[in-house]
Amino acid sequence: MASPDQAQAPAHPLYKLLDRSLLARLMERTGTGASLSIRGLASEVGVAHGTIGNLLTGEQEFVVEPTAHAICGVIGVDLLILFAPEGRATRHINRPRLAAQR
């Protein structure tokens, strides 16, 4: 049986938005030179427009890795310009301790 921590671990690592004002500025002029609205970016990324709106207002700070990659891909910047990985990169799995086996 999985522990409560394992059951709640996200399938993908979380990424924290580093600067919401930078996201807003980058939306005004993407890598293609075009601007994107909240709804436009959300549509391109495949998330609810509330997700993008909440990132911009600070109500939401984290997104899963695929969403962070998609936002940066649409805007045209490297991932680490806007986001930083948060916490563990993988789920905790019960593994035997190597030191205990020796």
PDB file of N, CA and C in Angstrom:
ATOM      1  N   MET A   1       0.839  -1.179   0.000  1.00  0.00           N
ATOM      2  CA  MET A   1       0.000   0.000   0.000  1.00  0.00           C
ATOM      3  C   MET A   1       0.887   1.246   0.000  1.00  0.00           C
ATOM      4  N   ALA A   2       0.539   2.231  -0.809  1.00  0.00           N
ATOM      5  CA  ALA A   2       1.332   3.448  -0.935  1.00  0.00           C
ATOM      6  C   ALA A   2       1.114   4.351   0.270  1.00  0.00           C
ATOM      7  N   SER A   3       2.167   5.035   0.658  1.00  0.00           N
ATOM      8  CA  SER A   3       2.035   5.995   1.748  1.00  0.00           C
ATOM      9  C   SER A   3       1.276   7.214   1.250  1.00  0.00           C
ATOM     10  N   PRO A   4       0.734   8.050   2.136  1.00  0.00           N
ATOM     11  CA  PRO A   4       0.026   9.259   1.707  1.00  0.00           C
ATOM     12  C   PRO A   4       0.901  10.177   0.857  1.00  0.00           C
ATOM     13  N   ASP A   5       2.206  10.238   1.160  1.00  0.00           N
ATOM     14  CA  ASP A   5       3.107  11.081   0.368  1.00  0.00           C
ATOM     15  C   ASP A   5       3.210  10.576  -1.062  1.00  0.00           C
ATOM     16  N   GLN A   6       3.263   9.284  -1.234  1.00  0.00           N
ATOM     17  CA  GLN A   6       3.369   8.715  -2.572  1.00  0.00           C
ATOM     18  C   GLN A   6       2.090   8.935  -3.362  1.00  0.00           C
ATOM     19  N   ALA A   7       0.948   8.801  -2.727  1.00  0.00           N
ATOM     20  CA  ALA A   7      -0.323   8.935  -3.416  1.00  0.00           C
ATOM     21  C   ALA A   7      -0.533  10.353  -3.921  1.00  0.00           C
ATOM     22  N   GLN A   8       0.046  11.351  -3.260  1.00  0.00           N
ATOM     23  CA  GLN A   8      -0.156  12.737  -3.629  1.00  0.00           C
ATOM     24  C   GLN A   8       0.972  13.300  -4.480  1.00  0.00           C
ATOM     25  N   ALA A   9       2.002  12.508  -4.753  1.00  0.00           N
ATOM     26  CA  ALA A   9       3.123  13.013  -5.543  1.00  0.00           C
ATOM     27  C   ALA A   9       2.669  13.271  -6.971  1.00  0.00           C
ATOM     28  N   PRO A  10       3.020  14.438  -7.528  1.00  0.00           N
ATOM     29  CA  PRO A  10       2.621  14.724  -8.896  1.00  0.00           C
ATOM     30  C   PRO A  10       3.341  13.816  -9.879  1.00  0.00           C
ATOM     31  N   ALA A  11       2.697  13.540 -11.009  1.00  0.00           N
ATOM     32  CA  ALA A  11       3.299  12.702 -12.031  1.00  0.00           C
ATOM     33  C   ALA A  11       4.480  13.417 -12.675  1.00  0.00           C
ATOM     34  N   HIS A  12       4.445  14.736 -12.683  1.00  0.00           N
ATOM     35  CA  HIS A  12       5.517  15.551 -13.250  1.00  0.00           C
ATOM     36  C   HIS A  12       6.010  16.506 -12.179  1.00  0.00           C
ATOM     37  N   PRO A  13       7.289  16.858 -12.241  1.00  0.00           N
ATOM     38  CA  PRO A  13       7.793  17.846 -11.282  1.00  0.00           C
ATOM     39  C   PRO A  13       7.097  19.192 -11.474  1.00  0.00           C
ATOM     40  N   LEU A  14       7.055  19.956 -10.409  1.00  0.00           N
ATOM     41  CA  LEU A  14       6.472  21.289 -10.474  1.00  0.00           C
ATOM     42  C   LEU A  14       7.542  22.310 -10.813  1.00  0.00           C
ATOM     43  N   TYR A  15       7.114  23.352 -11.516  1.00  0.00           N
ATOM     44  CA  TYR A  15       7.993  24.461 -11.862  1.00  0.00           C
ATOM     45  C   TYR A  15       7.370  25.743 -11.353  1.00  0.00           C
ATOM     46  N   LYS A  16       8.182  26.575 -10.716  1.00  0.00           N
ATOM     47  CA  LYS A  16       7.714  27.830 -10.141  1.00  0.00           C
ATOM     48  C   LYS A  16       8.007  28.983 -11.100  1.00  0.00           C
ATOM     49  N   LEU A  17       6.996  29.812 -11.326  1.00  0.00           N
ATOM     50  CA  LEU A  17       7.180  31.014 -12.126  1.00  0.00           C
ATOM     51  C   LEU A  17       8.080  31.970 -11.363  1.00  0.00           C
ATOM     52  N   LEU A  18       9.160  32.411 -11.986  1.00  0.00           N
ATOM     53  CA  LEU A  18      10.138  33.261 -11.304  1.00  0.00           C
ATOM     54  C   LEU A  18       9.725  34.721 -11.255  1.00  0.00           C
ATOM     55  N   ASP A  19       9.087  35.217 -12.308  1.00  0.00           N
ATOM     56  CA  ASP A  19       8.777  36.643 -12.391  1.00  0.00           C
ATOM     57  C   ASP A  19       7.525  36.836 -13.242  1.00  0.00           C
ATOM     58  N   ARG A  20       6.408  37.101 -12.590  1.00  0.00           N
ATOM     59  CA  ARG A  20       5.149  37.244 -13.329  1.00  0.00           C
ATOM     60  C   ARG A  20       5.135  38.471 -14.223  1.00  0.00           C
ATOM     61  N   SER A  21       5.832  39.532 -13.840  1.00  0.00           N
ATOM     62  CA  SER A  21       5.883  40.712 -14.700  1.00  0.00           C
ATOM     63  C   SER A  21       6.697  40.424 -15.964  1.00  0.00           C
ATOM     64  N   LEU A  22       7.698  39.563 -15.864  1.00  0.00           N
ATOM     65  CA  LEU A  22       8.459  39.159 -17.045  1.00  0.00           C
ATOM     66  C   LEU A  22       7.570  38.348 -17.981  1.00  0.00           C
ATOM     67  N   LEU A  23       6.757  37.461 -17.426  1.00  0.00           N
ATOM     68  CA  LEU A  23       5.814  36.702 -18.254  1.00  0.00           C
ATOM     69  C   LEU A  23       4.899  37.668 -19.006  1.00  0.00           C
ATOM     70  N   ALA A  24       4.382  38.663 -18.323  1.00  0.00           N
ATOM     71  CA  ALA A  24       3.497  39.640 -18.958  1.00  0.00           C
ATOM     72  C   ALA A  24       4.220  40.390 -20.077  1.00  0.00           C
ATOM     73  N   ARG A  25       5.455  40.797 -19.814  1.00  0.00           N
ATOM     74  CA  ARG A  25       6.226  41.516 -20.843  1.00  0.00           C
ATOM     75  C   ARG A  25       6.510  40.630 -22.042  1.00  0.00           C
ATOM     76  N   LEU A  26       6.841  39.378 -21.796  1.00  0.00           N
ATOM     77  CA  LEU A  26       7.124  38.453 -22.891  1.00  0.00           C
ATOM     78  C   LEU A  26       5.863  38.137 -23.696  1.00  0.00           C
ATOM     79  N   MET A  27       4.718  38.163 -23.049  1.00  0.00           N
ATOM     80  CA  MET A  27       3.456  37.957 -23.769  1.00  0.00           C
ATOM     81  C   MET A  27       3.166  39.135 -24.701  1.00  0.00           C
ATOM     82  N   GLU A  28       3.647  40.329 -24.343  1.00  0.00           N
ATOM     83  CA  GLU A  28       3.436  41.510 -25.181  1.00  0.00           C
ATOM     84  C   GLU A  28       4.236  41.429 -26.474  1.00  0.00           C
ATOM     85  N   ARG A  29       5.360  40.740 -26.423  1.00  0.00           N
ATOM     86  CA  ARG A  29       6.179  40.578 -27.625  1.00  0.00           C
ATOM     87  C   ARG A  29       6.881  39.230 -27.542  1.00  0.00           C
ATOM     88  N   THR A  30       6.297  38.244 -28.197  1.00  0.00           N
ATOM     89  CA  THR A  30       6.852  36.889 -28.165  1.00  0.00           C
ATOM     90  C   THR A  30       8.053  36.798 -29.093  1.00  0.00           C
ATOM     91  N   GLY A  31       8.627  35.627 -29.179  1.00  0.00           N
ATOM     92  CA  GLY A  31       9.775  35.400 -30.051  1.00  0.00           C
ATOM     93  C   GLY A  31       9.492  35.683 -31.515  1.00  0.00           C
ATOM     94  N   THR A  32       8.222  35.606 -31.914  1.00  0.00           N
ATOM     95  CA  THR A  32       7.847  35.900 -33.301  1.00  0.00           C
ATOM     96  C   THR A  32       7.546  37.376 -33.505  1.00  0.00           C
ATOM     97  N   GLY A  33       7.533  38.143 -32.424  1.00  0.00           N
ATOM     98  CA  GLY A  33       7.200  39.559 -32.502  1.00  0.00           C
ATOM     99  C   GLY A  33       5.729  39.846 -32.271  1.00  0.00           C
ATOM    100  N   ALA A  34       4.918  38.806 -32.222  1.00  0.00           N
ATOM    101  CA  ALA A  34       3.479  38.964 -31.997  1.00  0.00           C
ATOM    102  C   ALA A  34       3.196  39.079 -30.504  1.00  0.00           C
ATOM    103  N   SER A  35       2.037  39.622 -30.170  1.00  0.00           N
ATOM    104  CA  SER A  35       1.612  39.653 -28.771  1.00  0.00           C
ATOM    105  C   SER A  35       0.581  38.552 -28.547  1.00  0.00           C
ATOM    106  N   LEU A  36       0.466  38.128 -27.308  1.00  0.00           N
ATOM    107  CA  LEU A  36      -0.488  37.088 -26.930  1.00  0.00           C
ATOM    108  C   LEU A  36      -1.337  37.568 -25.769  1.00  0.00           C
ATOM    109  N   SER A  37      -2.626  37.351 -25.862  1.00  0.00           N
ATOM    110  CA  SER A  37      -3.526  37.612 -24.746  1.00  0.00           C
ATOM    111  C   SER A  37      -3.479  36.427 -23.792  1.00  0.00           C
ATOM    112  N   ILE A  38      -4.090  36.582 -22.647  1.00  0.00           N
ATOM    113  CA  ILE A  38      -4.189  35.477 -21.693  1.00  0.00           C
ATOM    114  C   ILE A  38      -4.894  34.296 -22.346  1.00  0.00           C
ATOM    115  N   ARG A  39      -6.024  34.560 -22.974  1.00  0.00           N
ATOM    116  CA  ARG A  39      -6.774  33.486 -23.635  1.00  0.00           C
ATOM    117  C   ARG A  39      -5.992  32.888 -24.801  1.00  0.00           C
ATOM    118  N   GLY A  40      -5.269  33.729 -25.530  1.00  0.00           N
ATOM    119  CA  GLY A  40      -4.477  33.237 -26.656  1.00  0.00           C
ATOM    120  C   GLY A  40      -3.373  32.308 -26.210  1.00  0.00           C
ATOM    121  N   LEU A  41      -2.647  32.711 -25.170  1.00  0.00           N
ATOM    122  CA  LEU A  41      -1.577  31.863 -24.650  1.00  0.00           C
ATOM    123  C   LEU A  41      -2.153  30.570 -24.092  1.00  0.00           C
ATOM    124  N   ALA A  42      -3.232  30.686 -23.346  1.00  0.00           N
ATOM    125  CA  ALA A  42      -3.863  29.492 -22.770  1.00  0.00           C
ATOM    126  C   ALA A  42      -4.285  28.523 -23.867  1.00  0.00           C
ATOM    127  N   SER A  43      -4.863  29.049 -24.926  1.00  0.00           N
ATOM    128  CA  SER A  43      -5.301  28.211 -26.042  1.00  0.00           C
ATOM    129  C   SER A  43      -4.115  27.509 -26.699  1.00  0.00           C
ATOM    130  N   GLU A  44      -3.041  28.244 -26.928  1.00  0.00           N
ATOM    131  CA  GLU A  44      -1.844  27.668 -27.553  1.00  0.00           C
ATOM    132  C   GLU A  44      -1.203  26.599 -26.668  1.00  0.00           C
ATOM    133  N   VAL A  45      -1.230  26.833 -25.362  1.00  0.00           N
ATOM    134  CA  VAL A  45      -0.601  25.909 -24.413  1.00  0.00           C
ATOM    135  C   VAL A  45      -1.502  24.707 -24.124  1.00  0.00           C
ATOM    136  N   GLY A  46      -2.820  24.917 -24.212  1.00  0.00           N
ATOM    137  CA  GLY A  46      -3.757  23.841 -23.916  1.00  0.00           C
ATOM    138  C   GLY A  46      -4.166  23.772 -22.464  1.00  0.00           C
ATOM    139  N   VAL A  47      -4.220  24.945 -21.807  1.00  0.00           N
ATOM    140  CA  VAL A  47      -4.668  25.020 -20.416  1.00  0.00           C
ATOM    141  C   VAL A  47      -5.835  26.001 -20.325  1.00  0.00           C
ATOM    142  N   ALA A  48      -6.509  26.009 -19.200  1.00  0.00           N
ATOM    143  CA  ALA A  48      -7.590  26.964 -18.970  1.00  0.00           C
ATOM    144  C   ALA A  48      -7.007  28.370 -18.890  1.00  0.00           C
ATOM    145  N   HIS A  49      -7.762  29.350 -19.386  1.00  0.00           N
ATOM    146  CA  HIS A  49      -7.242  30.718 -19.342  1.00  0.00           C
ATOM    147  C   HIS A  49      -7.030  31.193 -17.905  1.00  0.00           C
ATOM    148  N   GLY A  50      -7.759  30.595 -16.959  1.00  0.00           N
ATOM    149  CA  GLY A  50      -7.566  30.927 -15.549  1.00  0.00           C
ATOM    150  C   GLY A  50      -6.173  30.574 -15.060  1.00  0.00           C
ATOM    151  N   THR A  51      -5.571  29.547 -15.620  1.00  0.00           N
ATOM    152  CA  THR A  51      -4.209  29.163 -15.230  1.00  0.00           C
ATOM    153  C   THR A  51      -3.233  30.283 -15.560  1.00  0.00           C
ATOM    154  N   ILE A  52      -3.327  30.812 -16.780  1.00  0.00           N
ATOM    155  CA  ILE A  52      -2.426  31.893 -17.190  1.00  0.00           C
ATOM    156  C   ILE A  52      -2.750  33.160 -16.390  1.00  0.00           C
ATOM    157  N   GLY A  53      -4.029  33.465 -16.252  1.00  0.00           N
ATOM    158  CA  GLY A  53      -4.438  34.638 -15.474  1.00  0.00           C
ATOM    159  C   GLY A  53      -3.954  34.562 -14.043  1.00  0.00           C
ATOM    160  N   ASN A  54      -4.074  33.394 -13.440  1.00  0.00           N
ATOM    161  CA  ASN A  54      -3.630  33.215 -12.049  1.00  0.00           C
ATOM    162  C   ASN A  54      -2.116  33.312 -11.917  1.00  0.00           C
ATOM    163  N   LEU A  55      -1.374  32.854 -12.915  1.00  0.00           N
ATOM    164  CA  LEU A  55       0.076  33.026 -12.891  1.00  0.00           C
ATOM    165  C   LEU A  55       0.428  34.509 -12.930  1.00  0.00           C
ATOM    166  N   LEU A  56      -0.291  35.264 -13.749  1.00  0.00           N
ATOM    167  CA  LEU A  56      -0.005  36.688 -13.901  1.00  0.00           C
ATOM    168  C   LEU A  56      -0.374  37.499 -12.657  1.00  0.00           C
ATOM    169  N   THR A  57      -1.390  37.066 -11.929  1.00  0.00           N
ATOM    170  CA  THR A  57      -1.798  37.808 -10.732  1.00  0.00           C
ATOM    171  C   THR A  57      -1.072  37.324  -9.474  1.00  0.00           C
ATOM    172  N   GLY A  58      -0.414  36.197  -9.552  1.00  0.00           N
ATOM    173  CA  GLY A  58       0.272  35.643  -8.390  1.00  0.00           C
ATOM    174  C   GLY A  58      -0.579  34.695  -7.578  1.00  0.00           C
ATOM    175  N   GLU A  59      -1.819  34.468  -7.991  1.00  0.00           N
ATOM    176  CA  GLU A  59      -2.678  33.522  -7.269  1.00  0.00           C
ATOM    177  C   GLU A  59      -2.169  32.101  -7.432  1.00  0.00           C
ATOM    178  N   GLN A  60      -1.441  31.843  -8.497  1.00  0.00           N
ATOM    179  CA  GLN A  60      -0.837  30.539  -8.751  1.00  0.00           C
ATOM    180  C   GLN A  60       0.630  30.778  -9.043  1.00  0.00           C
ATOM    181  N   GLU A  61       1.487  29.988  -8.420  1.00  0.00           N
ATOM    182  CA  GLU A  61       2.927  30.133  -8.631  1.00  0.00           C
ATOM    183  C   GLU A  61       3.546  28.963  -9.362  1.00  0.00           C
ATOM    184  N   PHE A  62       2.875  27.818  -9.348  1.00  0.00           N
ATOM    185  CA  PHE A  62       3.463  26.588  -9.868  1.00  0.00           C
ATOM    186  C   PHE A  62       2.631  25.999 -10.994  1.00  0.00           C
ATOM    187  N   VAL A  63       3.316  25.358 -11.933  1.00  0.00           N
ATOM    188  CA  VAL A  63       2.676  24.549 -12.967  1.00  0.00           C
ATOM    189  C   VAL A  63       3.488  23.273 -13.114  1.00  0.00           C
ATOM    190  N   VAL A  64       2.890  22.259 -13.707  1.00  0.00           N
ATOM    191  CA  VAL A  64       3.633  21.023 -13.950  1.00  0.00           C
ATOM    192  C   VAL A  64       4.598  21.239 -15.107  1.00  0.00           C
ATOM    193  N   GLU A  65       5.587  20.399 -15.170  1.00  0.00           N
ATOM    194  CA  GLU A  65       6.665  20.545 -16.152  1.00  0.00           C
ATOM    195  C   GLU A  65       6.177  20.698 -17.595  1.00  0.00           C
ATOM    196  N   PRO A  66       5.258  19.861 -18.079  1.00  0.00           N
ATOM    197  CA  PRO A  66       4.830  20.029 -19.474  1.00  0.00           C
ATOM    198  C   PRO A  66       4.195  21.391 -19.750  1.00  0.00           C
ATOM    199  N   THR A  67       3.478  21.930 -18.777  1.00  0.00           N
ATOM    200  CA  THR A  67       2.858  23.253 -18.949  1.00  0.00           C
ATOM    201  C   THR A  67       3.923  24.334 -18.990  1.00  0.00           C
ATOM    202  N   ALA A  68       4.920  24.249 -18.134  1.00  0.00           N
ATOM    203  CA  ALA A  68       6.010  25.228 -18.136  1.00  0.00           C
ATOM    204  C   ALA A  68       6.739  25.202 -19.477  1.00  0.00           C
ATOM    205  N   HIS A  69       7.019  24.004 -19.977  1.00  0.00           N
ATOM    206  CA  HIS A  69       7.686  23.874 -21.279  1.00  0.00           C
ATOM    207  C   HIS A  69       6.814  24.456 -22.396  1.00  0.00           C
ATOM    208  N   ALA A  70       5.533  24.178 -22.339  1.00  0.00           N
ATOM    209  CA  ALA A  70       4.626  24.659 -23.387  1.00  0.00           C
ATOM    210  C   ALA A  70       4.534  26.185 -23.379  1.00  0.00           C
ATOM    211  N   ILE A  71       4.423  26.785 -22.205  1.00  0.00           N
ATOM    212  CA  ILE A  71       4.361  28.252 -22.106  1.00  0.00           C
ATOM    213  C   ILE A  71       5.615  28.856 -22.725  1.00  0.00           C
ATOM    214  N   CYS A  72       6.766  28.344 -22.349  1.00  0.00           N
ATOM    215  CA  CYS A  72       8.023  28.881 -22.863  1.00  0.00           C
ATOM    216  C   CYS A  72       8.166  28.634 -24.362  1.00  0.00           C
ATOM    217  N   GLY A  73       7.700  27.490 -24.817  1.00  0.00           N
ATOM    218  CA  GLY A  73       7.758  27.194 -26.244  1.00  0.00           C
ATOM    219  C   GLY A  73       6.920  28.146 -27.071  1.00  0.00           C
ATOM    220  N   VAL A  74       5.722  28.447 -26.588  1.00  0.00           N
ATOM    221  CA  VAL A  74       4.832  29.368 -27.307  1.00  0.00           C
ATOM    222  C   VAL A  74       5.402  30.781 -27.292  1.00  0.00           C
ATOM    223  N   ILE A  75       5.932  31.194 -26.158  1.00  0.00           N
ATOM    224  CA  ILE A  75       6.479  32.543 -26.036  1.00  0.00           C
ATOM    225  C   ILE A  75       7.820  32.673 -26.762  1.00  0.00           C
ATOM    226  N   GLY A  76       8.571  31.583 -26.798  1.00  0.00           N
ATOM    227  CA  GLY A  76       9.852  31.591 -27.494  1.00  0.00           C
ATOM    228  C   GLY A  76      11.041  31.907 -26.623  1.00  0.00           C
ATOM    229  N   VAL A  77      11.018  31.418 -25.362  1.00  0.00           N
ATOM    230  CA  VAL A  77      12.157  31.600 -24.459  1.00  0.00           C
ATOM    231  C   VAL A  77      12.546  30.262 -23.856  1.00  0.00           C
ATOM    232  N   ASP A  78      13.769  30.185 -23.361  1.00  0.00           N
ATOM    233  CA  ASP A  78      14.217  28.980 -22.665  1.00  0.00           C
ATOM    234  C   ASP A  78      13.453  28.821 -21.358  1.00  0.00           C
ATOM    235  N   LEU A  79      13.245  27.590 -20.958  1.00  0.00           N
ATOM    236  CA  LEU A  79      12.477  27.268 -19.753  1.00  0.00           C
ATOM    237  C   LEU A  79      12.986  28.009 -18.522  1.00  0.00           C
ATOM    238  N   LEU A  80      14.292  28.025 -18.312  1.00  0.00           N
ATOM    239  CA  LEU A  80      14.842  28.585 -17.072  1.00  0.00           C
ATOM    240  C   LEU A  80      14.821  30.110 -17.035  1.00  0.00           C
ATOM    241  N   ILE A  81      14.387  30.747 -18.101  1.00  0.00           N
ATOM    242  CA  ILE A  81      14.184  32.198 -18.092  1.00  0.00           C
ATOM    243  C   ILE A  81      12.964  32.534 -17.234  1.00  0.00           C
ATOM    244  N   LEU A  82      11.921  31.699 -17.324  1.00  0.00           N
ATOM    245  CA  LEU A  82      10.665  31.971 -16.620  1.00  0.00           C
ATOM    246  C   LEU A  82      10.401  31.075 -15.421  1.00  0.00           C
ATOM    247  N   PHE A  83      10.923  29.868 -15.436  1.00  0.00           N
ATOM    248  CA  PHE A  83      10.561  28.887 -14.415  1.00  0.00           C
ATOM    249  C   PHE A  83      11.785  28.243 -13.785  1.00  0.00           C
ATOM    250  N   ALA A  84      11.615  27.805 -12.536  1.00  0.00           N
ATOM    251  CA  ALA A  84      12.647  27.043 -11.826  1.00  0.00           C
ATOM    252  C   ALA A  84      12.012  25.771 -11.291  1.00  0.00           C
ATOM    253  N   PRO A  85      12.715  24.645 -11.408  1.00  0.00           N
ATOM    254  CA  PRO A  85      12.173  23.395 -10.855  1.00  0.00           C
ATOM    255  C   PRO A  85      12.023  23.514  -9.344  1.00  0.00           C
ATOM    256  N   GLU A  86      10.992  22.902  -8.825  1.00  0.00           N
ATOM    257  CA  GLU A  86      10.694  22.984  -7.398  1.00  0.00           C
ATOM    258  C   GLU A  86      10.601  21.579  -6.820  1.00  0.00           C
ATOM    259  N   GLY A  87      11.338  21.334  -5.768  1.00  0.00           N
ATOM    260  CA  GLY A  87      11.237  20.056  -5.072  1.00  0.00           C
ATOM    261  C   GLY A  87      11.929  18.931  -5.808  1.00  0.00           C
ATOM    262  N   ARG A  88      11.505  17.734  -5.493  1.00  0.00           N
ATOM    263  CA  ARG A  88      12.098  16.525  -6.054  1.00  0.00           C
ATOM    264  C   ARG A  88      11.741  16.384  -7.527  1.00  0.00           C
ATOM    265  N   ALA A  89      12.654  15.835  -8.281  1.00  0.00           N
ATOM    266  CA  ALA A  89      12.420  15.627  -9.707  1.00  0.00           C
ATOM    267  C   ALA A  89      11.640  14.345  -9.970  1.00  0.00           C
ATOM    268  N   THR A  90      11.638  13.420  -9.030  1.00  0.00           N
ATOM    269  CA  THR A  90      10.929  12.163  -9.231  1.00  0.00           C
ATOM    270  C   THR A  90      10.134  11.829  -7.979  1.00  0.00           C
ATOM    271  N   ARG A  91       9.189  10.949  -8.147  1.00  0.00           N
ATOM    272  CA  ARG A  91       8.424  10.472  -7.001  1.00  0.00           C
ATOM    273  C   ARG A  91       9.316   9.667  -6.080  1.00  0.00           C
ATOM    274  N   HIS A  92       8.966   9.690  -4.803  1.00  0.00           N
ATOM    275  CA  HIS A  92       9.671   8.857  -3.836  1.00  0.00           C
ATOM    276  C   HIS A  92       9.182   7.432  -4.010  1.00  0.00           C
ATOM    277  N   ILE A  93      10.097   6.518  -4.178  1.00  0.00           N
ATOM    278  CA  ILE A  93       9.755   5.105  -4.328  1.00  0.00           C
ATOM    279  C   ILE A  93      10.455   4.360  -3.204  1.00  0.00           C
ATOM    280  N   ASN A  94       9.732   3.468  -2.567  1.00  0.00           N
ATOM    281  CA  ASN A  94      10.356   2.678  -1.506  1.00  0.00           C
ATOM    282  C   ASN A  94      11.428   1.794  -2.124  1.00  0.00           C
ATOM    283  N   ARG A  95      12.665   2.095  -1.809  1.00  0.00           N
ATOM    284  CA  ARG A  95      13.800   1.330  -2.312  1.00  0.00           C
ATOM    285  C   ARG A  95      14.597   0.831  -1.124  1.00  0.00           C
ATOM    286  N   PRO A  96      15.131  -0.351  -1.224  1.00  0.00           N
ATOM    287  CA  PRO A  96      15.972  -0.831  -0.121  1.00  0.00           C
ATOM    288  C   PRO A  96      17.207   0.052   0.003  1.00  0.00           C
ATOM    289  N   ARG A  97      17.613   0.286   1.209  1.00  0.00           N
ATOM    290  CA  ARG A  97      18.807   1.088   1.444  1.00  0.00           C
ATOM    291  C   ARG A  97      20.035   0.257   1.135  1.00  0.00           C
ATOM    292  N   LEU A  98      20.882   0.783   0.297  1.00  0.00           N
ATOM    293  CA  LEU A  98      22.074   0.053  -0.097  1.00  0.00           C
ATOM    294  C   LEU A  98      22.995  -0.167   1.087  1.00  0.00           C
ATOM    295  N   ALA A  99      23.150   0.803   1.959  1.00  0.00           N
ATOM    296  CA  ALA A  99      24.043   0.675   3.111  1.00  0.00           C
ATOM    297  C   ALA A  99      23.549  -0.429   4.047  1.00  0.00           C
ATOM    298  N   ALA A 100      22.234  -0.588   4.162  1.00  0.00           N
ATOM    299  CA  ALA A 100      21.679  -1.607   5.051  1.00  0.00           C
ATOM    300  C   ALA A 100      21.893  -3.002   4.500  1.00  0.00           C
ATOM    301  N   GLN A 101      22.085  -3.126   3.201  1.00  0.00           N
ATOM    302  CA  GLN A 101      22.264  -4.437   2.602  1.00  0.00           C
ATOM    303  C   GLN A 101      23.701  -4.912   2.666  1.00  0.00           C
ATOM    304  N   ARG A 102      24.615  -4.023   2.931  1.00  0.00           N
ATOM    305  CA  ARG A 102      26.036  -4.397   2.948  1.00  0.00           C
ATOM    306  C   ARG A 102      26.469  -4.924   4.265  1.00  0.00           C
TER     307      ARG A 102
END
